[in-house]
Amino acid sequence: AHPDLYEVLDDVVVDSPRDVVYIEPTVPQKQPR
């Protein structure tokens, strides 16, 4: 119904939803002056 809202990560289809994997955003490293 909404293919433009999601990026498919795994083509494997499962019968029940798995646990959510939370990804922490990375903090950009400061470049030396």
Full PDB file with SEQRES, HELIX, SHEET, SSBOND, CRYST1, ORIGX, SCALE, CONECT and MASTER records, all heavy atoms in Angstrom:
SEQRES   1 A   33  ALA HIS PRO ASP LEU TYR GLU VAL LEU ASP ASP VAL VAL          
SEQRES   2 A   33  VAL ASP SER PRO ARG ASP VAL VAL TYR ILE GLU PRO THR          
SEQRES   3 A   33  VAL PRO GLN LYS GLN PRO ARG                                  
HELIX    1 AA1 PRO A    3  LEU A    5  5                                   3    
CRYST1    1.000    1.000    1.000  90.00  90.00  90.00 P 1           1          
ORIGX1      1.000000  0.000000  0.000000        0.00000                         
ORIGX2      0.000000  1.000000  0.000000        0.00000                         
ORIGX3      0.000000  0.000000  1.000000        0.00000                         
SCALE1      1.000000  0.000000  0.000000        0.00000                         
SCALE2      0.000000  1.000000  0.000000        0.00000                         
SCALE3      0.000000  0.000000  1.000000        0.00000                         
ATOM      1  N   ALA A   1       0.813  -1.211   0.000  1.00  0.00           N  
ATOM      2  CA  ALA A   1       0.000   0.000   0.000  1.00  0.00           C  
ATOM      3  C   ALA A   1       0.853   1.270   0.000  1.00  0.00           C  
ATOM      4  O   ALA A   1       0.435   2.304  -0.534  1.00  0.00           O  
ATOM      5  CB  ALA A   1      -0.930  -0.006   1.207  1.00  0.00           C  
ATOM      6  N   HIS A   2       2.041   1.214   0.617  1.00  0.00           N  
ATOM      7  CA  HIS A   2       2.913   2.396   0.737  1.00  0.00           C  
ATOM      8  C   HIS A   2       4.362   2.048   0.411  1.00  0.00           C  
ATOM      9  O   HIS A   2       5.246   2.209   1.264  1.00  0.00           O  
ATOM     10  CB  HIS A   2       2.821   2.967   2.151  1.00  0.00           C  
ATOM     11  CG  HIS A   2       1.432   3.303   2.574  1.00  0.00           C  
ATOM     12  ND1 HIS A   2       0.749   4.400   2.115  1.00  0.00           N  
ATOM     13  CD2 HIS A   2       0.580   2.650   3.408  1.00  0.00           C  
ATOM     14  CE1 HIS A   2      -0.453   4.426   2.639  1.00  0.00           C  
ATOM     15  NE2 HIS A   2      -0.589   3.373   3.424  1.00  0.00           N  
ATOM     16  N   PRO A   3       4.656   1.624  -0.806  1.00  0.00           N  
ATOM     17  CA  PRO A   3       6.041   1.221  -1.110  1.00  0.00           C  
ATOM     18  C   PRO A   3       7.034   2.377  -1.070  1.00  0.00           C  
ATOM     19  O   PRO A   3       8.226   2.155  -0.875  1.00  0.00           O  
ATOM     20  CB  PRO A   3       5.938   0.638  -2.522  1.00  0.00           C  
ATOM     21  CG  PRO A   3       4.736   1.300  -3.110  1.00  0.00           C  
ATOM     22  CD  PRO A   3       3.788   1.522  -1.963  1.00  0.00           C  
ATOM     23  N   ASP A   4       6.559   3.610  -1.204  1.00  0.00           N  
ATOM     24  CA  ASP A   4       7.456   4.762  -1.193  1.00  0.00           C  
ATOM     25  C   ASP A   4       7.895   5.148   0.222  1.00  0.00           C  
ATOM     26  O   ASP A   4       8.843   5.912   0.394  1.00  0.00           O  
ATOM     27  CB  ASP A   4       6.789   5.964  -1.855  1.00  0.00           C  
ATOM     28  CG  ASP A   4       5.437   6.305  -1.234  1.00  0.00           C  
ATOM     29  OD1 ASP A   4       4.717   5.371  -0.845  1.00  0.00           O  
ATOM     30  OD2 ASP A   4       5.115   7.503  -1.148  1.00  0.00           O  
ATOM     31  N   LEU A   5       7.254   4.603   1.259  1.00  0.00           N  
ATOM     32  CA  LEU A   5       7.600   4.944   2.634  1.00  0.00           C  
ATOM     33  C   LEU A   5       8.648   4.036   3.252  1.00  0.00           C  
ATOM     34  O   LEU A   5       9.207   4.367   4.304  1.00  0.00           O  
ATOM     35  CB  LEU A   5       6.349   4.892   3.520  1.00  0.00           C  
ATOM     36  CG  LEU A   5       5.240   5.882   3.191  1.00  0.00           C  
ATOM     37  CD1 LEU A   5       4.073   5.692   4.155  1.00  0.00           C  
ATOM     38  CD2 LEU A   5       5.748   7.312   3.244  1.00  0.00           C  
ATOM     39  N   TYR A   6       8.911   2.882   2.621  1.00  0.00           N  
ATOM     40  CA  TYR A   6       9.782   1.879   3.239  1.00  0.00           C  
ATOM     41  C   TYR A   6      10.868   1.407   2.281  1.00  0.00           C  
ATOM     42  O   TYR A   6      10.662   1.311   1.084  1.00  0.00           O  
ATOM     43  CB  TYR A   6       8.963   0.663   3.693  1.00  0.00           C  
ATOM     44  CG  TYR A   6       7.856   1.020   4.643  1.00  0.00           C  
ATOM     45  CD1 TYR A   6       6.538   1.080   4.217  1.00  0.00           C  
ATOM     46  CD2 TYR A   6       8.130   1.313   5.970  1.00  0.00           C  
ATOM     47  CE1 TYR A   6       5.512   1.428   5.087  1.00  0.00           C  
ATOM     48  CE2 TYR A   6       7.121   1.654   6.853  1.00  0.00           C  
ATOM     49  CZ  TYR A   6       5.818   1.711   6.405  1.00  0.00           C  
ATOM     50  OH  TYR A   6       4.811   2.051   7.269  1.00  0.00           O  
ATOM     51  N   GLU A   7      12.012   1.108   2.852  1.00  0.00           N  
ATOM     52  CA  GLU A   7      13.115   0.487   2.115  1.00  0.00           C  
ATOM     53  C   GLU A   7      13.204  -0.964   2.594  1.00  0.00           C  
ATOM     54  O   GLU A   7      13.370  -1.217   3.790  1.00  0.00           O  
ATOM     55  CB  GLU A   7      14.416   1.221   2.419  1.00  0.00           C  
ATOM     56  CG  GLU A   7      15.630   0.585   1.790  1.00  0.00           C  
ATOM     57  CD  GLU A   7      16.914   1.272   2.233  1.00  0.00           C  
ATOM     58  OE1 GLU A   7      16.868   2.330   2.865  1.00  0.00           O  
ATOM     59  OE2 GLU A   7      17.984   0.698   1.942  1.00  0.00           O  
ATOM     60  N   VAL A   8      13.061  -1.897   1.665  1.00  0.00           N  
ATOM     61  CA  VAL A   8      13.110  -3.322   2.013  1.00  0.00           C  
ATOM     62  C   VAL A   8      14.563  -3.703   2.292  1.00  0.00           C  
ATOM     63  O   VAL A   8      15.450  -3.480   1.473  1.00  0.00           O  
ATOM     64  CB  VAL A   8      12.523  -4.189   0.880  1.00  0.00           C  
ATOM     65  CG1 VAL A   8      12.674  -5.665   1.206  1.00  0.00           C  
ATOM     66  CG2 VAL A   8      11.055  -3.846   0.656  1.00  0.00           C  
ATOM     67  N   LEU A   9      14.796  -4.285   3.463  1.00  0.00           N  
ATOM     68  CA  LEU A   9      16.146  -4.672   3.870  1.00  0.00           C  
ATOM     69  C   LEU A   9      16.404  -6.157   3.694  1.00  0.00           C  
ATOM     70  O   LEU A   9      17.555  -6.571   3.564  1.00  0.00           O  
ATOM     71  CB  LEU A   9      16.376  -4.300   5.336  1.00  0.00           C  
ATOM     72  CG  LEU A   9      16.237  -2.812   5.663  1.00  0.00           C  
ATOM     73  CD1 LEU A   9      16.359  -2.591   7.161  1.00  0.00           C  
ATOM     74  CD2 LEU A   9      17.268  -2.003   4.920  1.00  0.00           C  
ATOM     75  N   ASP A  10      15.341  -6.952   3.729  1.00  0.00           N  
ATOM     76  CA  ASP A  10      15.487  -8.402   3.659  1.00  0.00           C  
ATOM     77  C   ASP A  10      14.334  -8.956   2.834  1.00  0.00           C  
ATOM     78  O   ASP A  10      13.170  -8.714   3.147  1.00  0.00           O  
ATOM     79  CB  ASP A  10      15.460  -8.982   5.077  1.00  0.00           C  
ATOM     80  CG  ASP A  10      15.818 -10.449   5.126  1.00  0.00           C  
ATOM     81  OD1 ASP A  10      16.038 -11.048   4.053  1.00  0.00           O  
ATOM     82  OD2 ASP A  10      15.886 -11.003   6.234  1.00  0.00           O  
ATOM     83  N   ASP A  11      14.641  -9.664   1.762  1.00  0.00           N  
ATOM     84  CA  ASP A  11      13.608 -10.222   0.897  1.00  0.00           C  
ATOM     85  C   ASP A  11      12.927 -11.450   1.494  1.00  0.00           C  
ATOM     86  O   ASP A  11      11.942 -11.933   0.956  1.00  0.00           O  
ATOM     87  CB  ASP A  11      14.198 -10.581  -0.478  1.00  0.00           C  
ATOM     88  CG  ASP A  11      14.568  -9.333  -1.274  1.00  0.00           C  
ATOM     89  OD1 ASP A  11      13.916  -8.291  -1.081  1.00  0.00           O  
ATOM     90  OD2 ASP A  11      15.506  -9.411  -2.079  1.00  0.00           O  
ATOM     91  N   VAL A  12      13.427 -11.943   2.621  1.00  0.00           N  
ATOM     92  CA  VAL A  12      12.842 -13.118   3.255  1.00  0.00           C  
ATOM     93  C   VAL A  12      11.524 -12.720   3.910  1.00  0.00           C  
ATOM     94  O   VAL A  12      11.455 -11.761   4.686  1.00  0.00           O  
ATOM     95  CB  VAL A  12      13.800 -13.703   4.311  1.00  0.00           C  
ATOM     96  CG1 VAL A  12      13.158 -14.858   5.047  1.00  0.00           C  
ATOM     97  CG2 VAL A  12      15.093 -14.141   3.658  1.00  0.00           C  
ATOM     98  N   VAL A  13      10.458 -13.435   3.595  1.00  0.00           N  
ATOM     99  CA  VAL A  13       9.144 -13.191   4.182  1.00  0.00           C  
ATOM    100  C   VAL A  13       8.969 -14.141   5.356  1.00  0.00           C  
ATOM    101  O   VAL A  13       9.253 -15.329   5.253  1.00  0.00           O  
ATOM    102  CB  VAL A  13       8.038 -13.405   3.112  1.00  0.00           C  
ATOM    103  CG1 VAL A  13       6.667 -13.248   3.721  1.00  0.00           C  
ATOM    104  CG2 VAL A  13       8.233 -12.449   1.948  1.00  0.00           C  
ATOM    105  N   VAL A  14       8.523 -13.602   6.506  1.00  0.00           N  
ATOM    106  CA  VAL A  14       8.327 -14.407   7.710  1.00  0.00           C  
ATOM    107  C   VAL A  14       6.856 -14.377   8.121  1.00  0.00           C  
ATOM    108  O   VAL A  14       6.107 -13.487   7.730  1.00  0.00           O  
ATOM    109  CB  VAL A  14       9.218 -13.910   8.875  1.00  0.00           C  
ATOM    110  CG1 VAL A  14      10.690 -14.083   8.535  1.00  0.00           C  
ATOM    111  CG2 VAL A  14       8.934 -12.463   9.199  1.00  0.00           C  
ATOM    112  N   ASP A  15       6.443 -15.365   8.915  1.00  0.00           N  
ATOM    113  CA  ASP A  15       5.036 -15.481   9.318  1.00  0.00           C  
ATOM    114  C   ASP A  15       4.657 -14.568  10.475  1.00  0.00           C  
ATOM    115  O   ASP A  15       3.491 -14.189  10.605  1.00  0.00           O  
ATOM    116  CB  ASP A  15       4.716 -16.931   9.689  1.00  0.00           C  
ATOM    117  CG  ASP A  15       4.751 -17.843   8.465  1.00  0.00           C  
ATOM    118  OD1 ASP A  15       4.411 -17.363   7.366  1.00  0.00           O  
ATOM    119  OD2 ASP A  15       5.118 -19.019   8.620  1.00  0.00           O  
ATOM    120  N   SER A  16       5.596 -14.224  11.336  1.00  0.00           N  
ATOM    121  CA  SER A  16       5.294 -13.333  12.456  1.00  0.00           C  
ATOM    122  C   SER A  16       6.407 -12.282  12.566  1.00  0.00           C  
ATOM    123  O   SER A  16       7.558 -12.554  12.226  1.00  0.00           O  
ATOM    124  CB  SER A  16       5.174 -14.124  13.755  1.00  0.00           C  
ATOM    125  OG  SER A  16       6.372 -14.783  14.050  1.00  0.00           O  
ATOM    126  N   PRO A  17       6.070 -11.079  13.026  1.00  0.00           N  
ATOM    127  CA  PRO A  17       7.086 -10.022  13.088  1.00  0.00           C  
ATOM    128  C   PRO A  17       8.172 -10.333  14.103  1.00  0.00           C  
ATOM    129  O   PRO A  17       7.921 -10.892  15.165  1.00  0.00           O  
ATOM    130  CB  PRO A  17       6.289  -8.784  13.508  1.00  0.00           C  
ATOM    131  CG  PRO A  17       5.028  -9.286  14.085  1.00  0.00           C  
ATOM    132  CD  PRO A  17       4.768 -10.630  13.479  1.00  0.00           C  
ATOM    133  N   ARG A  18       9.384  -9.982  13.750  1.00  0.00           N  
ATOM    134  CA  ARG A  18      10.536 -10.152  14.634  1.00  0.00           C  
ATOM    135  C   ARG A  18      10.723  -8.897  15.478  1.00  0.00           C  
ATOM    136  O   ARG A  18      10.050  -7.887  15.268  1.00  0.00           O  
ATOM    137  CB  ARG A  18      11.786 -10.423  13.791  1.00  0.00           C  
ATOM    138  CG  ARG A  18      11.675 -11.731  12.987  1.00  0.00           C  
ATOM    139  CD  ARG A  18      12.721 -11.808  11.921  1.00  0.00           C  
ATOM    140  NE  ARG A  18      12.336 -10.920  10.802  1.00  0.00           N  
ATOM    141  CZ  ARG A  18      12.940 -10.893   9.631  1.00  0.00           C  
ATOM    142  NH1 ARG A  18      13.988 -11.664   9.417  1.00  0.00           N  
ATOM    143  NH2 ARG A  18      12.536 -10.091   8.685  1.00  0.00           N  
ATOM    144  N   ASP A  19      11.641  -8.954  16.422  1.00  0.00           N  
ATOM    145  CA  ASP A  19      11.925  -7.801  17.275  1.00  0.00           C  
ATOM    146  C   ASP A  19      12.490  -6.654  16.440  1.00  0.00           C  
ATOM    147  O   ASP A  19      13.195  -6.860  15.452  1.00  0.00           O  
ATOM    148  CB  ASP A  19      12.940  -8.161  18.355  1.00  0.00           C  
ATOM    149  CG  ASP A  19      12.368  -9.117  19.395  1.00  0.00           C  
ATOM    150  OD1 ASP A  19      11.114  -9.177  19.524  1.00  0.00           O  
ATOM    151  OD2 ASP A  19      13.157  -9.793  20.056  1.00  0.00           O  
ATOM    152  N   VAL A  20      12.197  -5.441  16.891  1.00  0.00           N  
ATOM    153  CA  VAL A  20      12.739  -4.247  16.249  1.00  0.00           C  
ATOM    154  C   VAL A  20      14.218  -4.140  16.581  1.00  0.00           C  
ATOM    155  O   VAL A  20      14.640  -4.426  17.703  1.00  0.00           O  
ATOM    156  CB  VAL A  20      11.993  -2.990  16.747  1.00  0.00           C  
ATOM    157  CG1 VAL A  20      12.613  -1.724  16.186  1.00  0.00           C  
ATOM    158  CG2 VAL A  20      10.518  -3.062  16.387  1.00  0.00           C  
ATOM    159  N   VAL A  21      15.015  -3.727  15.596  1.00  0.00           N  
ATOM    160  CA  VAL A  21      16.439  -3.463  15.809  1.00  0.00           C  
ATOM    161  C   VAL A  21      16.607  -1.951  15.810  1.00  0.00           C  
ATOM    162  O   VAL A  21      16.358  -1.289  14.801  1.00  0.00           O  
ATOM    163  CB  VAL A  21      17.304  -4.098  14.699  1.00  0.00           C  
ATOM    164  CG1 VAL A  21      18.765  -3.726  14.888  1.00  0.00           C  
ATOM    165  CG2 VAL A  21      17.115  -5.594  14.664  1.00  0.00           C  
ATOM    166  N   TYR A  22      16.966  -1.407  16.977  1.00  0.00           N  
ATOM    167  CA  TYR A  22      17.157   0.034  17.096  1.00  0.00           C  
ATOM    168  C   TYR A  22      18.595   0.388  16.760  1.00  0.00           C  
ATOM    169  O   TYR A  22      19.528  -0.178  17.309  1.00  0.00           O  
ATOM    170  CB  TYR A  22      16.823   0.505  18.520  1.00  0.00           C  
ATOM    171  CG  TYR A  22      15.355   0.332  18.848  1.00  0.00           C  
ATOM    172  CD1 TYR A  22      14.910  -0.771  19.578  1.00  0.00           C  
ATOM    173  CD2 TYR A  22      14.427   1.270  18.415  1.00  0.00           C  
ATOM    174  CE1 TYR A  22      13.560  -0.929  19.872  1.00  0.00           C  
ATOM    175  CE2 TYR A  22      13.081   1.115  18.699  1.00  0.00           C  
ATOM    176  CZ  TYR A  22      12.651   0.014  19.428  1.00  0.00           C  
ATOM    177  OH  TYR A  22      11.327  -0.144  19.706  1.00  0.00           O  
ATOM    178  N   ILE A  23      18.753   1.328  15.855  1.00  0.00           N  
ATOM    179  CA  ILE A  23      20.071   1.772  15.421  1.00  0.00           C  
ATOM    180  C   ILE A  23      20.320   3.148  16.028  1.00  0.00           C  
ATOM    181  O   ILE A  23      19.555   4.082  15.805  1.00  0.00           O  
ATOM    182  CB  ILE A  23      20.155   1.860  13.879  1.00  0.00           C  
ATOM    183  CG1 ILE A  23      19.698   0.566  13.224  1.00  0.00           C  
ATOM    184  CG2 ILE A  23      21.541   2.289  13.431  1.00  0.00           C  
ATOM    185  CD1 ILE A  23      20.559  -0.630  13.504  1.00  0.00           C  
ATOM    186  N   GLU A  24      21.379   3.281  16.803  1.00  0.00           N  
ATOM    187  CA  GLU A  24      21.735   4.569  17.390  1.00  0.00           C  
ATOM    188  C   GLU A  24      22.390   5.438  16.316  1.00  0.00           C  
ATOM    189  O   GLU A  24      23.257   4.969  15.575  1.00  0.00           O  
ATOM    190  CB  GLU A  24      22.716   4.380  18.550  1.00  0.00           C  
ATOM    191  CG  GLU A  24      22.110   3.697  19.752  1.00  0.00           C  
ATOM    192  CD  GLU A  24      21.072   4.553  20.449  1.00  0.00           C  
ATOM    193  OE1 GLU A  24      21.222   5.791  20.472  1.00  0.00           O  
ATOM    194  OE2 GLU A  24      20.105   3.976  20.955  1.00  0.00           O  
ATOM    195  N   PRO A  25      21.988   6.705  16.222  1.00  0.00           N  
ATOM    196  CA  PRO A  25      22.642   7.579  15.248  1.00  0.00           C  
ATOM    197  C   PRO A  25      24.101   7.795  15.624  1.00  0.00           C  
ATOM    198  O   PRO A  25      24.438   7.859  16.808  1.00  0.00           O  
ATOM    199  CB  PRO A  25      21.854   8.886  15.329  1.00  0.00           C  
ATOM    200  CG  PRO A  25      21.102   8.825  16.605  1.00  0.00           C  
ATOM    201  CD  PRO A  25      20.963   7.383  16.989  1.00  0.00           C  
ATOM    202  N   THR A  26      24.936   7.883  14.629  1.00  0.00           N  
ATOM    203  CA  THR A  26      26.357   8.097  14.892  1.00  0.00           C  
ATOM    204  C   THR A  26      26.631   9.590  15.010  1.00  0.00           C  
ATOM    205  O   THR A  26      26.033  10.405  14.316  1.00  0.00           O  
ATOM    206  CB  THR A  26      27.227   7.514  13.775  1.00  0.00           C  
ATOM    207  OG1 THR A  26      26.839   8.112  12.535  1.00  0.00           O  
ATOM    208  CG2 THR A  26      27.063   6.013  13.684  1.00  0.00           C  
ATOM    209  N   VAL A  27      27.522   9.938  15.901  1.00  0.00           N  
ATOM    210  CA  VAL A  27      27.923  11.324  16.081  1.00  0.00           C  
ATOM    211  C   VAL A  27      29.141  11.551  15.196  1.00  0.00           C  
ATOM    212  O   VAL A  27      30.128  10.822  15.294  1.00  0.00           O  
ATOM    213  CB  VAL A  27      28.261  11.610  17.554  1.00  0.00           C  
ATOM    214  CG1 VAL A  27      28.734  13.035  17.741  1.00  0.00           C  
ATOM    215  CG2 VAL A  27      27.063  11.297  18.431  1.00  0.00           C  
ATOM    216  N   PRO A  28      29.072  12.563  14.320  1.00  0.00           N  
ATOM    217  CA  PRO A  28      30.231  12.800  13.460  1.00  0.00           C  
ATOM    218  C   PRO A  28      31.466  13.174  14.275  1.00  0.00           C  
ATOM    219  O   PRO A  28      31.376  13.901  15.258  1.00  0.00           O  
ATOM    220  CB  PRO A  28      29.809  13.960  12.558  1.00  0.00           C  
ATOM    221  CG  PRO A  28      28.579  14.529  13.162  1.00  0.00           C  
ATOM    222  CD  PRO A  28      28.016  13.517  14.110  1.00  0.00           C  
ATOM    223  N   GLN A  29      32.597  12.642  13.871  1.00  0.00           N  
ATOM    224  CA  GLN A  29      33.850  12.935  14.547  1.00  0.00           C  
ATOM    225  C   GLN A  29      34.305  14.335  14.172  1.00  0.00           C  
ATOM    226  O   GLN A  29      34.198  14.754  13.030  1.00  0.00           O  
ATOM    227  CB  GLN A  29      34.931  11.930  14.132  1.00  0.00           C  
ATOM    228  CG  GLN A  29      34.607  10.507  14.508  1.00  0.00           C  
ATOM    229  CD  GLN A  29      34.646  10.319  16.009  1.00  0.00           C  
ATOM    230  OE1 GLN A  29      35.462  10.920  16.692  1.00  0.00           O  
ATOM    231  NE2 GLN A  29      33.755   9.486  16.526  1.00  0.00           N  
ATOM    232  N   LYS A  30      34.822  15.068  15.154  1.00  0.00           N  
ATOM    233  CA  LYS A  30      35.337  16.404  14.869  1.00  0.00           C  
ATOM    234  C   LYS A  30      36.671  16.274  14.149  1.00  0.00           C  
ATOM    235  O   LYS A  30      37.525  15.490  14.545  1.00  0.00           O  
ATOM    236  CB  LYS A  30      35.522  17.197  16.150  1.00  0.00           C  
ATOM    237  CG  LYS A  30      34.217  17.588  16.793  1.00  0.00           C  
ATOM    238  CD  LYS A  30      34.462  18.464  17.996  1.00  0.00           C  
ATOM    239  CE  LYS A  30      33.155  18.889  18.609  1.00  0.00           C  
ATOM    240  NZ  LYS A  30      33.360  19.770  19.767  1.00  0.00           N  
ATOM    241  N   GLN A  31      36.819  17.060  13.102  1.00  0.00           N  
ATOM    242  CA  GLN A  31      38.067  17.060  12.361  1.00  0.00           C  
ATOM    243  C   GLN A  31      39.053  17.988  13.073  1.00  0.00           C  
ATOM    244  O   GLN A  31      38.670  19.036  13.585  1.00  0.00           O  
ATOM    245  CB  GLN A  31      37.839  17.566  10.931  1.00  0.00           C  
ATOM    246  CG  GLN A  31      36.915  16.685  10.119  1.00  0.00           C  
ATOM    247  CD  GLN A  31      37.515  15.313   9.879  1.00  0.00           C  
ATOM    248  OE1 GLN A  31      38.717  15.157   9.745  1.00  0.00           O  
ATOM    249  NE2 GLN A  31      36.661  14.303   9.851  1.00  0.00           N  
ATOM    250  N   PRO A  32      40.326  17.616  13.116  1.00  0.00           N  
ATOM    251  CA  PRO A  32      41.309  18.507  13.742  1.00  0.00           C  
ATOM    252  C   PRO A  32      41.403  19.813  12.964  1.00  0.00           C  
ATOM    253  O   PRO A  32      41.264  19.825  11.740  1.00  0.00           O  
ATOM    254  CB  PRO A  32      42.616  17.712  13.679  1.00  0.00           C  
ATOM    255  CG  PRO A  32      42.397  16.667  12.654  1.00  0.00           C  
ATOM    256  CD  PRO A  32      40.913  16.413  12.586  1.00  0.00           C  
ATOM    257  N   ARG A  33      41.595  20.894  13.691  1.00  0.00           N  
ATOM    258  CA  ARG A  33      41.702  22.193  13.026  1.00  0.00           C  
ATOM    259  C   ARG A  33      43.003  22.266  12.233  1.00  0.00           C  
ATOM    260  O   ARG A  33      44.052  21.827  12.684  1.00  0.00           O  
ATOM    261  CB  ARG A  33      41.714  23.314  14.049  1.00  0.00           C  
ATOM    262  CG  ARG A  33      40.402  23.517  14.724  1.00  0.00           C  
ATOM    263  CD  ARG A  33      40.515  24.674  15.671  1.00  0.00           C  
ATOM    264  NE  ARG A  33      39.506  25.649  15.325  1.00  0.00           N  
ATOM    265  CZ  ARG A  33      39.491  26.880  15.752  1.00  0.00           C  
ATOM    266  NH1 ARG A  33      40.471  27.316  16.509  1.00  0.00           N  
ATOM    267  NH2 ARG A  33      38.536  27.695  15.417  1.00  0.00           N  
TER     268      ARG A  33                                                      
MASTER        0    0    0    1    0    0    0    6  267    1    0    3          
END                                                                             
